[in-house]
């Protein structure tokens, strides 16, 4: 059994990440770390509009959807997409209901991406 951290396959698209690693080599780790450094702020930006600014929620969710999707964090990207769709429809109650899932998805993505970049 390997001593390296395991990667949660349900959270990440490993094929996409491995393709990126083939193209970007060591730069991928730096890109992922930069995403992780800003992740809490991106999640907070989604939450900031929940008290009445659907456009802000939509924009922040759209940004998170793209950045997480580009790095293979497919579960987080899907949650952000769901949030974006509800915000576009003006359904902030649905957005508020999804916020705990989004925060949890971000935590899972953080753990999985950290494990990915620590692999040999």
PDB file of N, CA and C in Angstrom:
ATOM      1  N   UNK A   1       0.843  -1.181   0.000  1.00  0.00           N
ATOM      2  CA  UNK A   1       0.000   0.000   0.000  1.00  0.00           C
ATOM      3  C   UNK A   1       0.882   1.236   0.000  1.00  0.00           C
ATOM      4  N   UNK A   2       0.467   2.226  -0.801  1.00  0.00           N
ATOM      5  CA  UNK A   2       1.227   3.454  -0.955  1.00  0.00           C
ATOM      6  C   UNK A   2       1.083   4.339   0.270  1.00  0.00           C
ATOM      7  N   UNK A   3       2.136   5.082   0.558  1.00  0.00           N
ATOM      8  CA  UNK A   3       2.061   6.006   1.681  1.00  0.00           C
ATOM      9  C   UNK A   3       1.605   7.393   1.236  1.00  0.00           C
ATOM     10  N   UNK A   4       1.414   7.597  -0.086  1.00  0.00           N
ATOM     11  CA  UNK A   4       0.964   8.911  -0.545  1.00  0.00           C
ATOM     12  C   UNK A   4      -0.526   9.065  -0.303  1.00  0.00           C
ATOM     13  N   UNK A   5      -0.987  10.314  -0.136  1.00  0.00           N
ATOM     14  CA  UNK A   5      -2.411  10.543   0.112  1.00  0.00           C
ATOM     15  C   UNK A   5      -3.239  10.049  -1.061  1.00  0.00           C
ATOM     16  N   UNK A   6      -4.423   9.560  -0.761  1.00  0.00           N
ATOM     17  CA  UNK A   6      -5.303   9.119  -1.838  1.00  0.00           C
ATOM     18  C   UNK A   6      -6.045  10.314  -2.406  1.00  0.00           C
ATOM     19  N   UNK A   7      -6.482  10.172  -3.639  1.00  0.00           N
ATOM     20  CA  UNK A   7      -7.215  11.225  -4.317  1.00  0.00           C
ATOM     21  C   UNK A   7      -8.646  10.752  -4.467  1.00  0.00           C
ATOM     22  N   UNK A   8      -9.592  11.573  -4.058  1.00  0.00           N
ATOM     23  CA  UNK A   8     -11.006  11.231  -4.135  1.00  0.00           C
ATOM     24  C   UNK A   8     -11.457  11.322  -5.586  1.00  0.00           C
ATOM     25  N   UNK A   9     -11.731  10.156  -6.195  1.00  0.00           N
ATOM     26  CA  UNK A   9     -12.083  10.109  -7.604  1.00  0.00           C
ATOM     27  C   UNK A   9     -13.426  10.771  -7.892  1.00  0.00           C
ATOM     28  N   UNK A  10     -14.339  10.797  -6.923  1.00  0.00           N
ATOM     29  CA  UNK A  10     -15.640  11.419  -7.147  1.00  0.00           C
ATOM     30  C   UNK A  10     -15.536  12.938  -7.187  1.00  0.00           C
ATOM     31  N   UNK A  11     -14.501  13.485  -6.638  1.00  0.00           N
ATOM     32  CA  UNK A  11     -14.334  14.935  -6.543  1.00  0.00           C
ATOM     33  C   UNK A  11     -13.560  15.482  -7.738  1.00  0.00           C
ATOM     34  N   UNK A  12     -12.587  14.717  -8.212  1.00  0.00           N
ATOM     35  CA  UNK A  12     -11.693  15.186  -9.272  1.00  0.00           C
ATOM     36  C   UNK A  12     -11.834  14.378 -10.550  1.00  0.00           C
ATOM     37  N   UNK A  13     -11.589  15.050 -11.663  1.00  0.00           N
ATOM     38  CA  UNK A  13     -11.455  14.393 -12.955  1.00  0.00           C
ATOM     39  C   UNK A  13      -9.953  14.186 -13.163  1.00  0.00           C
ATOM     40  N   UNK A  14      -9.483  13.009 -12.791  1.00  0.00           N
ATOM     41  CA  UNK A  14      -8.043  12.744 -12.853  1.00  0.00           C
ATOM     42  C   UNK A  14      -7.522  12.711 -14.275  1.00  0.00           C
ATOM     43  N   UNK A  15      -8.337  12.300 -15.236  1.00  0.00           N
ATOM     44  CA  UNK A  15      -7.894  12.299 -16.634  1.00  0.00           C
ATOM     45  C   UNK A  15      -7.586  13.725 -17.074  1.00  0.00           C
ATOM     46  N   UNK A  16      -8.482  14.642 -16.748  1.00  0.00           N
ATOM     47  CA  UNK A  16      -8.255  16.046 -17.101  1.00  0.00           C
ATOM     48  C   UNK A  16      -7.013  16.598 -16.402  1.00  0.00           C
ATOM     49  N   UNK A  17      -6.861  16.275 -15.133  1.00  0.00           N
ATOM     50  CA  UNK A  17      -5.687  16.759 -14.399  1.00  0.00           C
ATOM     51  C   UNK A  17      -4.396  16.172 -14.964  1.00  0.00           C
ATOM     52  N   UNK A  18      -4.415  14.889 -15.274  1.00  0.00           N
ATOM     53  CA  UNK A  18      -3.215  14.267 -15.846  1.00  0.00           C
ATOM     54  C   UNK A  18      -2.887  14.852 -17.217  1.00  0.00           C
ATOM     55  N   UNK A  19      -3.922  15.172 -18.009  1.00  0.00           N
ATOM     56  CA  UNK A  19      -3.690  15.832 -19.298  1.00  0.00           C
ATOM     57  C   UNK A  19      -3.049  17.199 -19.084  1.00  0.00           C
ATOM     58  N   UNK A  20      -3.553  17.945 -18.108  1.00  0.00           N
ATOM     59  CA  UNK A  20      -2.957  19.245 -17.787  1.00  0.00           C
ATOM     60  C   UNK A  20      -1.509  19.085 -17.326  1.00  0.00           C
ATOM     61  N   UNK A  21      -1.273  18.055 -16.526  1.00  0.00           N
ATOM     62  CA  UNK A  21       0.092  17.835 -16.035  1.00  0.00           C
ATOM     63  C   UNK A  21       1.033  17.515 -17.191  1.00  0.00           C
ATOM     64  N   UNK A  22       0.537  16.745 -18.171  1.00  0.00           N
ATOM     65  CA  UNK A  22       1.357  16.444 -19.345  1.00  0.00           C
ATOM     66  C   UNK A  22       1.713  17.714 -20.110  1.00  0.00           C
ATOM     67  N   UNK A  23       0.773  18.661 -20.174  1.00  0.00           N
ATOM     68  CA  UNK A  23       1.007  19.906 -20.909  1.00  0.00           C
ATOM     69  C   UNK A  23       1.815  20.924 -20.104  1.00  0.00           C
ATOM     70  N   UNK A  24       1.529  21.005 -18.806  1.00  0.00           N
ATOM     71  CA  UNK A  24       2.090  22.091 -17.997  1.00  0.00           C
ATOM     72  C   UNK A  24       3.239  21.679 -17.092  1.00  0.00           C
ATOM     73  N   UNK A  25       3.418  20.390 -16.911  1.00  0.00           N
ATOM     74  CA  UNK A  25       4.484  19.850 -16.070  1.00  0.00           C
ATOM     75  C   UNK A  25       4.410  20.433 -14.657  1.00  0.00           C
ATOM     76  N   UNK A  26       5.510  20.947 -14.153  1.00  0.00           N
ATOM     77  CA  UNK A  26       5.575  21.441 -12.780  1.00  0.00           C
ATOM     78  C   UNK A  26       4.726  22.684 -12.545  1.00  0.00           C
ATOM     79  N   UNK A  27       4.402  23.402 -13.611  1.00  0.00           N
ATOM     80  CA  UNK A  27       3.591  24.616 -13.462  1.00  0.00           C
ATOM     81  C   UNK A  27       2.191  24.281 -12.949  1.00  0.00           C
ATOM     82  N   UNK A  28       1.716  23.065 -13.204  1.00  0.00           N
ATOM     83  CA  UNK A  28       0.377  22.711 -12.747  1.00  0.00           C
ATOM     84  C   UNK A  28       0.274  22.801 -11.230  1.00  0.00           C
ATOM     85  N   UNK A  29       1.287  22.345 -10.526  1.00  0.00           N
ATOM     86  CA  UNK A  29       1.265  22.431  -9.068  1.00  0.00           C
ATOM     87  C   UNK A  29       1.153  23.870  -8.592  1.00  0.00           C
ATOM     88  N   UNK A  30       1.843  24.776  -9.264  1.00  0.00           N
ATOM     89  CA  UNK A  30       1.773  26.198  -8.904  1.00  0.00           C
ATOM     90  C   UNK A  30       0.382  26.767  -9.202  1.00  0.00           C
ATOM     91  N   UNK A  31      -0.204  26.357 -10.316  1.00  0.00           N
ATOM     92  CA  UNK A  31      -1.539  26.827 -10.694  1.00  0.00           C
ATOM     93  C   UNK A  31      -2.566  26.319  -9.687  1.00  0.00           C
ATOM     94  N   UNK A  32      -2.466  25.048  -9.339  1.00  0.00           N
ATOM     95  CA  UNK A  32      -3.392  24.482  -8.352  1.00  0.00           C
ATOM     96  C   UNK A  32      -3.228  25.192  -7.015  1.00  0.00           C
ATOM     97  N   UNK A  33      -1.986  25.429  -6.601  1.00  0.00           N
ATOM     98  CA  UNK A  33      -1.766  26.114  -5.320  1.00  0.00           C
ATOM     99  C   UNK A  33      -2.357  27.513  -5.336  1.00  0.00           C
ATOM    100  N   UNK A  34      -2.234  28.201  -6.458  1.00  0.00           N
ATOM    101  CA  UNK A  34      -2.829  29.529  -6.582  1.00  0.00           C
ATOM    102  C   UNK A  34      -4.351  29.456  -6.467  1.00  0.00           C
ATOM    103  N   UNK A  35      -4.955  28.443  -7.098  1.00  0.00           N
ATOM    104  CA  UNK A  35      -6.401  28.239  -6.972  1.00  0.00           C
ATOM    105  C   UNK A  35      -6.774  27.981  -5.517  1.00  0.00           C
ATOM    106  N   UNK A  36      -6.019  27.122  -4.849  1.00  0.00           N
ATOM    107  CA  UNK A  36      -6.308  26.799  -3.455  1.00  0.00           C
ATOM    108  C   UNK A  36      -6.163  28.022  -2.554  1.00  0.00           C
ATOM    109  N   UNK A  37      -5.177  28.852  -2.848  1.00  0.00           N
ATOM    110  CA  UNK A  37      -4.971  30.066  -2.051  1.00  0.00           C
ATOM    111  C   UNK A  37      -6.167  31.016  -2.156  1.00  0.00           C
ATOM    112  N   UNK A  38      -6.831  31.026  -3.290  1.00  0.00           N
ATOM    113  CA  UNK A  38      -7.963  31.919  -3.480  1.00  0.00           C
ATOM    114  C   UNK A  38      -9.324  31.277  -3.279  1.00  0.00           C
ATOM    115  N   UNK A  39      -9.345  29.986  -2.992  1.00  0.00           N
ATOM    116  CA  UNK A  39     -10.612  29.254  -2.930  1.00  0.00           C
ATOM    117  C   UNK A  39     -11.554  29.780  -1.855  1.00  0.00           C
ATOM    118  N   UNK A  40     -11.057  30.028  -0.666  1.00  0.00           N
ATOM    119  CA  UNK A  40     -11.931  30.538   0.396  1.00  0.00           C
ATOM    120  C   UNK A  40     -12.556  31.867  -0.006  1.00  0.00           C
ATOM    121  N   UNK A  41     -11.783  32.714  -0.661  1.00  0.00           N
ATOM    122  CA  UNK A  41     -12.301  33.998  -1.119  1.00  0.00           C
ATOM    123  C   UNK A  41     -13.366  33.840  -2.198  1.00  0.00           C
ATOM    124  N   UNK A  42     -13.183  32.860  -3.077  1.00  0.00           N
ATOM    125  CA  UNK A  42     -14.185  32.628  -4.126  1.00  0.00           C
ATOM    126  C   UNK A  42     -15.495  32.138  -3.522  1.00  0.00           C
ATOM    127  N   UNK A  43     -15.399  31.234  -2.565  1.00  0.00           N
ATOM    128  CA  UNK A  43     -16.610  30.736  -1.899  1.00  0.00           C
ATOM    129  C   UNK A  43     -17.280  31.874  -1.125  1.00  0.00           C
ATOM    130  N   UNK A  44     -16.487  32.683  -0.439  1.00  0.00           N
ATOM    131  CA  UNK A  44     -17.038  33.818   0.310  1.00  0.00           C
ATOM    132  C   UNK A  44     -17.727  34.809  -0.626  1.00  0.00           C
ATOM    133  N   UNK A  45     -17.168  35.015  -1.815  1.00  0.00           N
ATOM    134  CA  UNK A  45     -17.773  35.938  -2.774  1.00  0.00           C
ATOM    135  C   UNK A  45     -19.153  35.455  -3.206  1.00  0.00           C
ATOM    136  N   UNK A  46     -19.316  34.155  -3.339  1.00  0.00           N
ATOM    137  CA  UNK A  46     -20.639  33.609  -3.665  1.00  0.00           C
ATOM    138  C   UNK A  46     -21.603  33.933  -2.526  1.00  0.00           C
ATOM    139  N   UNK A  47     -21.178  33.714  -1.304  1.00  0.00           N
ATOM    140  CA  UNK A  47     -22.032  33.927  -0.145  1.00  0.00           C
ATOM    141  C   UNK A  47     -22.381  35.379   0.114  1.00  0.00           C
ATOM    142  N   UNK A  48     -21.543  36.304  -0.329  1.00  0.00           N
ATOM    143  CA  UNK A  48     -21.764  37.722  -0.031  1.00  0.00           C
ATOM    144  C   UNK A  48     -23.045  38.271  -0.640  1.00  0.00           C
ATOM    145  N   UNK A  49     -23.483  37.726  -1.755  1.00  0.00           N
ATOM    146  CA  UNK A  49     -24.674  38.259  -2.390  1.00  0.00           C
ATOM    147  C   UNK A  49     -25.973  37.605  -1.972  1.00  0.00           C
ATOM    148  N   UNK A  50     -25.897  36.653  -1.059  1.00  0.00           N
ATOM    149  CA  UNK A  50     -27.080  35.868  -0.721  1.00  0.00           C
ATOM    150  C   UNK A  50     -28.189  36.657  -0.038  1.00  0.00           C
ATOM    151  N   UNK A  51     -27.887  37.830   0.438  1.00  0.00           N
ATOM    152  CA  UNK A  51     -28.910  38.640   1.103  1.00  0.00           C
ATOM    153  C   UNK A  51     -29.625  39.590   0.160  1.00  0.00           C
ATOM    154  N   UNK A  52     -29.517  39.345  -1.153  1.00  0.00           N
ATOM    155  CA  UNK A  52     -30.303  40.169  -2.060  1.00  0.00           C
ATOM    156  C   UNK A  52     -29.656  40.541  -3.373  1.00  0.00           C
ATOM    157  N   UNK A  53     -28.467  40.054  -3.659  1.00  0.00           N
ATOM    158  CA  UNK A  53     -27.793  40.437  -4.900  1.00  0.00           C
ATOM    159  C   UNK A  53     -27.567  39.193  -5.769  1.00  0.00           C
ATOM    160  N   UNK A  54     -28.617  38.793  -6.479  1.00  0.00           N
ATOM    161  CA  UNK A  54     -28.537  37.589  -7.306  1.00  0.00           C
ATOM    162  C   UNK A  54     -27.473  37.724  -8.392  1.00  0.00           C
ATOM    163  N   UNK A  55     -27.286  38.925  -8.921  1.00  0.00           N
ATOM    164  CA  UNK A  55     -26.281  39.125  -9.965  1.00  0.00           C
ATOM    165  C   UNK A  55     -24.874  38.866  -9.424  1.00  0.00           C
ATOM    166  N   UNK A  56     -24.616  39.290  -8.203  1.00  0.00           N
ATOM    167  CA  UNK A  56     -23.302  39.048  -7.596  1.00  0.00           C
ATOM    168  C   UNK A  56     -23.099  37.561  -7.327  1.00  0.00           C
ATOM    169  N   UNK A  57     -24.136  36.886  -6.869  1.00  0.00           N
ATOM    170  CA  UNK A  57     -24.044  35.442  -6.637  1.00  0.00           C
ATOM    171  C   UNK A  57     -23.768  34.728  -7.950  1.00  0.00           C
ATOM    172  N   UNK A  58     -24.503  35.120  -8.996  1.00  0.00           N
ATOM    173  CA  UNK A  58     -24.324  34.486 -10.295  1.00  0.00           C
ATOM    174  C   UNK A  58     -22.898  34.673 -10.809  1.00  0.00           C
ATOM    175  N   UNK A  59     -22.402  35.887 -10.733  1.00  0.00           N
ATOM    176  CA  UNK A  59     -21.053  36.185 -11.231  1.00  0.00           C
ATOM    177  C   UNK A  59     -19.990  35.413 -10.450  1.00  0.00           C
ATOM    178  N   UNK A  60     -20.117  35.396  -9.131  1.00  0.00           N
ATOM    179  CA  UNK A  60     -19.128  34.689  -8.307  1.00  0.00           C
ATOM    180  C   UNK A  60     -19.219  33.184  -8.525  1.00  0.00           C
ATOM    181  N   UNK A  61     -20.440  32.662  -8.637  1.00  0.00           N
ATOM    182  CA  UNK A  61     -20.607  31.225  -8.879  1.00  0.00           C
ATOM    183  C   UNK A  61     -20.065  30.854 -10.251  1.00  0.00           C
ATOM    184  N   UNK A  62     -20.277  31.723 -11.231  1.00  0.00           N
ATOM    185  CA  UNK A  62     -19.756  31.476 -12.574  1.00  0.00           C
ATOM    186  C   UNK A  62     -18.225  31.401 -12.557  1.00  0.00           C
ATOM    187  N   UNK A  63     -17.611  32.325 -11.846  1.00  0.00           N
ATOM    188  CA  UNK A  63     -16.154  32.334 -11.733  1.00  0.00           C
ATOM    189  C   UNK A  63     -15.642  31.055 -11.070  1.00  0.00           C
ATOM    190  N   UNK A  64     -16.290  30.657  -9.987  1.00  0.00           N
ATOM    191  CA  UNK A  64     -15.887  29.443  -9.276  1.00  0.00           C
ATOM    192  C   UNK A  64     -16.116  28.216 -10.139  1.00  0.00           C
ATOM    193  N   UNK A  65     -17.212  28.192 -10.876  1.00  0.00           N
ATOM    194  CA  UNK A  65     -17.491  27.076 -11.783  1.00  0.00           C
ATOM    195  C   UNK A  65     -16.354  26.907 -12.783  1.00  0.00           C
ATOM    196  N   UNK A  66     -15.927  28.013 -13.364  1.00  0.00           N
ATOM    197  CA  UNK A  66     -14.871  27.957 -14.365  1.00  0.00           C
ATOM    198  C   UNK A  66     -13.520  27.578 -13.796  1.00  0.00           C
ATOM    199  N   UNK A  67     -13.140  28.221 -12.713  1.00  0.00           N
ATOM    200  CA  UNK A  67     -11.807  27.956 -12.161  1.00  0.00           C
ATOM    201  C   UNK A  67     -11.701  26.529 -11.633  1.00  0.00           C
ATOM    202  N   UNK A  68     -12.744  26.055 -10.972  1.00  0.00           N
ATOM    203  CA  UNK A  68     -12.693  24.688 -10.448  1.00  0.00           C
ATOM    204  C   UNK A  68     -12.794  23.670 -11.581  1.00  0.00           C
ATOM    205  N   UNK A  69     -13.629  23.951 -12.562  1.00  0.00           N
ATOM    206  CA  UNK A  69     -13.754  23.043 -13.698  1.00  0.00           C
ATOM    207  C   UNK A  69     -12.469  22.937 -14.497  1.00  0.00           C
ATOM    208  N   UNK A  70     -11.772  24.055 -14.658  1.00  0.00           N
ATOM    209  CA  UNK A  70     -10.503  24.042 -15.395  1.00  0.00           C
ATOM    210  C   UNK A  70      -9.448  23.177 -14.727  1.00  0.00           C
ATOM    211  N   UNK A  71      -9.579  22.982 -13.422  1.00  0.00           N
ATOM    212  CA  UNK A  71      -8.605  22.180 -12.694  1.00  0.00           C
ATOM    213  C   UNK A  71      -9.146  20.794 -12.340  1.00  0.00           C
ATOM    214  N   UNK A  72     -10.217  20.393 -12.981  1.00  0.00           N
ATOM    215  CA  UNK A  72     -10.715  19.035 -12.796  1.00  0.00           C
ATOM    216  C   UNK A  72     -11.501  18.810 -11.522  1.00  0.00           C
ATOM    217  N   UNK A  73     -11.827  19.876 -10.797  1.00  0.00           N
ATOM    218  CA  UNK A  73     -12.624  19.727  -9.570  1.00  0.00           C
ATOM    219  C   UNK A  73     -14.097  19.698  -9.975  1.00  0.00           C
ATOM    220  N   UNK A  74     -14.490  18.577 -10.558  1.00  0.00           N
ATOM    221  CA  UNK A  74     -15.789  18.493 -11.225  1.00  0.00           C
ATOM    222  C   UNK A  74     -16.973  18.601 -10.282  1.00  0.00           C
ATOM    223  N   UNK A  75     -16.875  18.055  -9.094  1.00  0.00           N
ATOM    224  CA  UNK A  75     -17.998  18.133  -8.158  1.00  0.00           C
ATOM    225  C   UNK A  75     -18.226  19.576  -7.721  1.00  0.00           C
ATOM    226  N   UNK A  76     -17.160  20.292  -7.417  1.00  0.00           N
ATOM    227  CA  UNK A  76     -17.278  21.698  -7.031  1.00  0.00           C
ATOM    228  C   UNK A  76     -17.794  22.527  -8.196  1.00  0.00           C
ATOM    229  N   UNK A  77     -17.305  22.260  -9.378  1.00  0.00           N
ATOM    230  CA  UNK A  77     -17.758  22.980 -10.555  1.00  0.00           C
ATOM    231  C   UNK A  77     -19.257  22.778 -10.782  1.00  0.00           C
ATOM    232  N   UNK A  78     -19.734  21.567 -10.573  1.00  0.00           N
ATOM    233  CA  UNK A  78     -21.158  21.292 -10.746  1.00  0.00           C
ATOM    234  C   UNK A  78     -21.995  22.023  -9.697  1.00  0.00           C
ATOM    235  N   UNK A  79     -21.518  22.032  -8.462  1.00  0.00           N
ATOM    236  CA  UNK A  79     -22.232  22.770  -7.412  1.00  0.00           C
ATOM    237  C   UNK A  79     -22.290  24.256  -7.734  1.00  0.00           C
ATOM    238  N   UNK A  80     -21.184  24.804  -8.201  1.00  0.00           N
ATOM    239  CA  UNK A  80     -21.155  26.222  -8.565  1.00  0.00           C
ATOM    240  C   UNK A  80     -22.084  26.487  -9.751  1.00  0.00           C
ATOM    241  N   UNK A  81     -22.149  25.552 -10.684  1.00  0.00           N
ATOM    242  CA  UNK A  81     -23.061  25.681 -11.819  1.00  0.00           C
ATOM    243  C   UNK A  81     -24.515  25.694 -11.355  1.00  0.00           C
ATOM    244  N   UNK A  82     -24.841  24.811 -10.432  1.00  0.00           N
ATOM    245  CA  UNK A  82     -26.199  24.786  -9.874  1.00  0.00           C
ATOM    246  C   UNK A  82     -26.528  26.115  -9.196  1.00  0.00           C
ATOM    247  N   UNK A  83     -25.567  26.633  -8.440  1.00  0.00           N
ATOM    248  CA  UNK A  83     -25.750  27.913  -7.756  1.00  0.00           C
ATOM    249  C   UNK A  83     -25.951  29.024  -8.793  1.00  0.00           C
ATOM    250  N   UNK A  84     -25.159  29.016  -9.838  1.00  0.00           N
ATOM    251  CA  UNK A  84     -25.262  30.028 -10.888  1.00  0.00           C
ATOM    252  C   UNK A  84     -26.657  29.998 -11.538  1.00  0.00           C
ATOM    253  N   UNK A  85     -27.146  28.810 -11.829  1.00  0.00           N
ATOM    254  CA  UNK A  85     -28.471  28.682 -12.460  1.00  0.00           C
ATOM    255  C   UNK A  85     -29.572  29.222 -11.559  1.00  0.00           C
ATOM    256  N   UNK A  86     -29.515  28.904 -10.276  1.00  0.00           N
ATOM    257  CA  UNK A  86     -30.520  29.424  -9.344  1.00  0.00           C
ATOM    258  C   UNK A  86     -30.432  30.945  -9.228  1.00  0.00           C
ATOM    259  N   UNK A  87     -29.212  31.459  -9.193  1.00  0.00           N
ATOM    260  CA  UNK A  87     -29.038  32.915  -9.098  1.00  0.00           C
ATOM    261  C   UNK A  87     -29.553  33.598 -10.358  1.00  0.00           C
ATOM    262  N   UNK A  88     -29.301  33.007 -11.508  1.00  0.00           N
ATOM    263  CA  UNK A  88     -29.790  33.568 -12.763  1.00  0.00           C
ATOM    264  C   UNK A  88     -31.310  33.640 -12.770  1.00  0.00           C
ATOM    265  N   UNK A  89     -31.946  32.650 -12.152  1.00  0.00           N
ATOM    266  CA  UNK A  89     -33.405  32.635 -12.049  1.00  0.00           C
ATOM    267  C   UNK A  89     -33.906  33.535 -10.919  1.00  0.00           C
ATOM    268  N   UNK A  90     -32.983  34.133 -10.162  1.00  0.00           N
ATOM    269  CA  UNK A  90     -33.369  35.007  -9.056  1.00  0.00           C
ATOM    270  C   UNK A  90     -33.797  34.270  -7.808  1.00  0.00           C
ATOM    271  N   UNK A  91     -33.500  32.985  -7.729  1.00  0.00           N
ATOM    272  CA  UNK A  91     -33.925  32.154  -6.599  1.00  0.00           C
ATOM    273  C   UNK A  91     -32.833  32.107  -5.530  1.00  0.00           C
ATOM    274  N   UNK A  92     -32.754  33.187  -4.758  1.00  0.00           N
ATOM    275  CA  UNK A  92     -31.723  33.260  -3.723  1.00  0.00           C
ATOM    276  C   UNK A  92     -31.987  32.294  -2.575  1.00  0.00           C
ATOM    277  N   UNK A  93     -33.248  31.915  -2.363  1.00  0.00           N
ATOM    278  CA  UNK A  93     -33.542  30.923  -1.320  1.00  0.00           C
ATOM    279  C   UNK A  93     -32.881  29.594  -1.683  1.00  0.00           C
ATOM    280  N   UNK A  94     -32.944  29.208  -2.948  1.00  0.00           N
ATOM    281  CA  UNK A  94     -32.278  27.977  -3.387  1.00  0.00           C
ATOM    282  C   UNK A  94     -30.762  28.120  -3.268  1.00  0.00           C
ATOM    283  N   UNK A  95     -30.258  29.300  -3.574  1.00  0.00           N
ATOM    284  CA  UNK A  95     -28.814  29.548  -3.439  1.00  0.00           C
ATOM    285  C   UNK A  95     -28.379  29.415  -1.983  1.00  0.00           C
ATOM    286  N   UNK A  96     -29.167  30.009  -1.072  1.00  0.00           N
ATOM    287  CA  UNK A  96     -28.829  29.895   0.353  1.00  0.00           C
ATOM    288  C   UNK A  96     -28.853  28.434   0.790  1.00  0.00           C
ATOM    289  N   UNK A  97     -29.799  27.668   0.280  1.00  0.00           N
ATOM    290  CA  UNK A  97     -29.890  26.254   0.642  1.00  0.00           C
ATOM    291  C   UNK A  97     -28.688  25.458   0.120  1.00  0.00           C
ATOM    292  N   UNK A  98     -28.121  25.887  -0.999  1.00  0.00           N
ATOM    293  CA  UNK A  98     -26.962  25.194  -1.582  1.00  0.00           C
ATOM    294  C   UNK A  98     -25.631  25.611  -0.957  1.00  0.00           C
ATOM    295  N   UNK A  99     -25.622  26.725  -0.246  1.00  0.00           N
ATOM    296  CA  UNK A  99     -24.356  27.260   0.260  1.00  0.00           C
ATOM    297  C   UNK A  99     -23.580  26.270   1.130  1.00  0.00           C
ATOM    298  N   UNK A 100     -24.210  25.540   2.048  1.00  0.00           N
ATOM    299  CA  UNK A 100     -23.436  24.560   2.817  1.00  0.00           C
ATOM    300  C   UNK A 100     -22.814  23.476   1.926  1.00  0.00           C
ATOM    301  N   UNK A 101     -23.548  23.059   0.902  1.00  0.00           N
ATOM    302  CA  UNK A 101     -23.007  22.059  -0.024  1.00  0.00           C
ATOM    303  C   UNK A 101     -21.820  22.624  -0.791  1.00  0.00           C
ATOM    304  N   UNK A 102     -21.926  23.894  -1.198  1.00  0.00           N
ATOM    305  CA  UNK A 102     -20.831  24.529  -1.920  1.00  0.00           C
ATOM    306  C   UNK A 102     -19.590  24.618  -1.038  1.00  0.00           C
ATOM    307  N   UNK A 103     -19.773  25.012   0.211  1.00  0.00           N
ATOM    308  CA  UNK A 103     -18.634  25.104   1.138  1.00  0.00           C
ATOM    309  C   UNK A 103     -18.013  23.727   1.372  1.00  0.00           C
ATOM    310  N   UNK A 104     -18.861  22.722   1.517  1.00  0.00           N
ATOM    311  CA  UNK A 104     -18.356  21.357   1.708  1.00  0.00           C
ATOM    312  C   UNK A 104     -17.637  20.876   0.441  1.00  0.00           C
ATOM    313  N   UNK A 105     -18.213  21.174  -0.715  1.00  0.00           N
ATOM    314  CA  UNK A 105     -17.570  20.798  -1.977  1.00  0.00           C
ATOM    315  C   UNK A 105     -16.213  21.448  -2.136  1.00  0.00           C
ATOM    316  N   UNK A 106     -16.110  22.703  -1.694  1.00  0.00           N
ATOM    317  CA  UNK A 106     -14.823  23.396  -1.758  1.00  0.00           C
ATOM    318  C   UNK A 106     -13.798  22.732  -0.842  1.00  0.00           C
ATOM    319  N   UNK A 107     -14.239  22.322   0.336  1.00  0.00           N
ATOM    320  CA  UNK A 107     -13.331  21.633   1.265  1.00  0.00           C
ATOM    321  C   UNK A 107     -12.860  20.303   0.680  1.00  0.00           C
ATOM    322  N   UNK A 108     -13.770  19.573   0.067  1.00  0.00           N
ATOM    323  CA  UNK A 108     -13.393  18.303  -0.563  1.00  0.00           C
ATOM    324  C   UNK A 108     -12.429  18.533  -1.725  1.00  0.00           C
ATOM    325  N   UNK A 109     -12.702  19.553  -2.516  1.00  0.00           N
ATOM    326  CA  UNK A 109     -11.810  19.863  -3.635  1.00  0.00           C
ATOM    327  C   UNK A 109     -10.430  20.253  -3.125  1.00  0.00           C
ATOM    328  N   UNK A 110     -10.391  21.044  -2.051  1.00  0.00           N
ATOM    329  CA  UNK A 110      -9.099  21.443  -1.465  1.00  0.00           C
ATOM    330  C   UNK A 110      -8.290  20.213  -1.049  1.00  0.00           C
ATOM    331  N   UNK A 111      -8.954  19.293  -0.359  1.00  0.00           N
ATOM    332  CA  UNK A 111      -8.267  18.083   0.108  1.00  0.00           C
ATOM    333  C   UNK A 111      -7.779  17.247  -1.078  1.00  0.00           C
ATOM    334  N   UNK A 112      -8.645  17.063  -2.065  1.00  0.00           N
ATOM    335  CA  UNK A 112      -8.298  16.223  -3.205  1.00  0.00           C
ATOM    336  C   UNK A 112      -7.198  16.852  -4.061  1.00  0.00           C
ATOM    337  N   UNK A 113      -7.295  18.152  -4.312  1.00  0.00           N
ATOM    338  CA  UNK A 113      -6.261  18.802  -5.109  1.00  0.00           C
ATOM    339  C   UNK A 113      -4.932  18.867  -4.369  1.00  0.00           C
ATOM    340  N   UNK A 114      -4.988  19.063  -3.079  1.00  0.00           N
ATOM    341  CA  UNK A 114      -3.746  19.039  -2.274  1.00  0.00           C
ATOM    342  C   UNK A 114      -3.109  17.669  -2.336  1.00  0.00           C
ATOM    343  N   UNK A 115      -3.917  16.638  -2.268  1.00  0.00           N
ATOM    344  CA  UNK A 115      -3.392  15.272  -2.377  1.00  0.00           C
ATOM    345  C   UNK A 115      -2.805  15.048  -3.778  1.00  0.00           C
ATOM    346  N   UNK A 116      -3.469  15.560  -4.782  1.00  0.00           N
ATOM    347  CA  UNK A 116      -2.984  15.379  -6.157  1.00  0.00           C
ATOM    348  C   UNK A 116      -1.613  16.008  -6.342  1.00  0.00           C
ATOM    349  N   UNK A 117      -1.440  17.230  -5.859  1.00  0.00           N
ATOM    350  CA  UNK A 117      -0.139  17.896  -6.096  1.00  0.00           C
ATOM    351  C   UNK A 117       0.956  17.344  -5.200  1.00  0.00           C
ATOM    352  N   UNK A 118       0.587  16.589  -4.170  1.00  0.00           N
ATOM    353  CA  UNK A 118       1.618  16.006  -3.318  1.00  0.00           C
ATOM    354  C   UNK A 118       2.035  14.620  -3.791  1.00  0.00           C
ATOM    355  N   UNK A 119       1.368  14.118  -4.830  1.00  0.00           N
ATOM    356  CA  UNK A 119       1.744  12.811  -5.376  1.00  0.00           C
ATOM    357  C   UNK A 119       3.116  12.901  -6.038  1.00  0.00           C
ATOM    358  N   UNK A 120       3.852  11.806  -5.988  1.00  0.00           N
ATOM    359  CA  UNK A 120       5.161  11.822  -6.665  1.00  0.00           C
ATOM    360  C   UNK A 120       5.021  11.887  -8.170  1.00  0.00           C
TER     361      UNK A 120
END
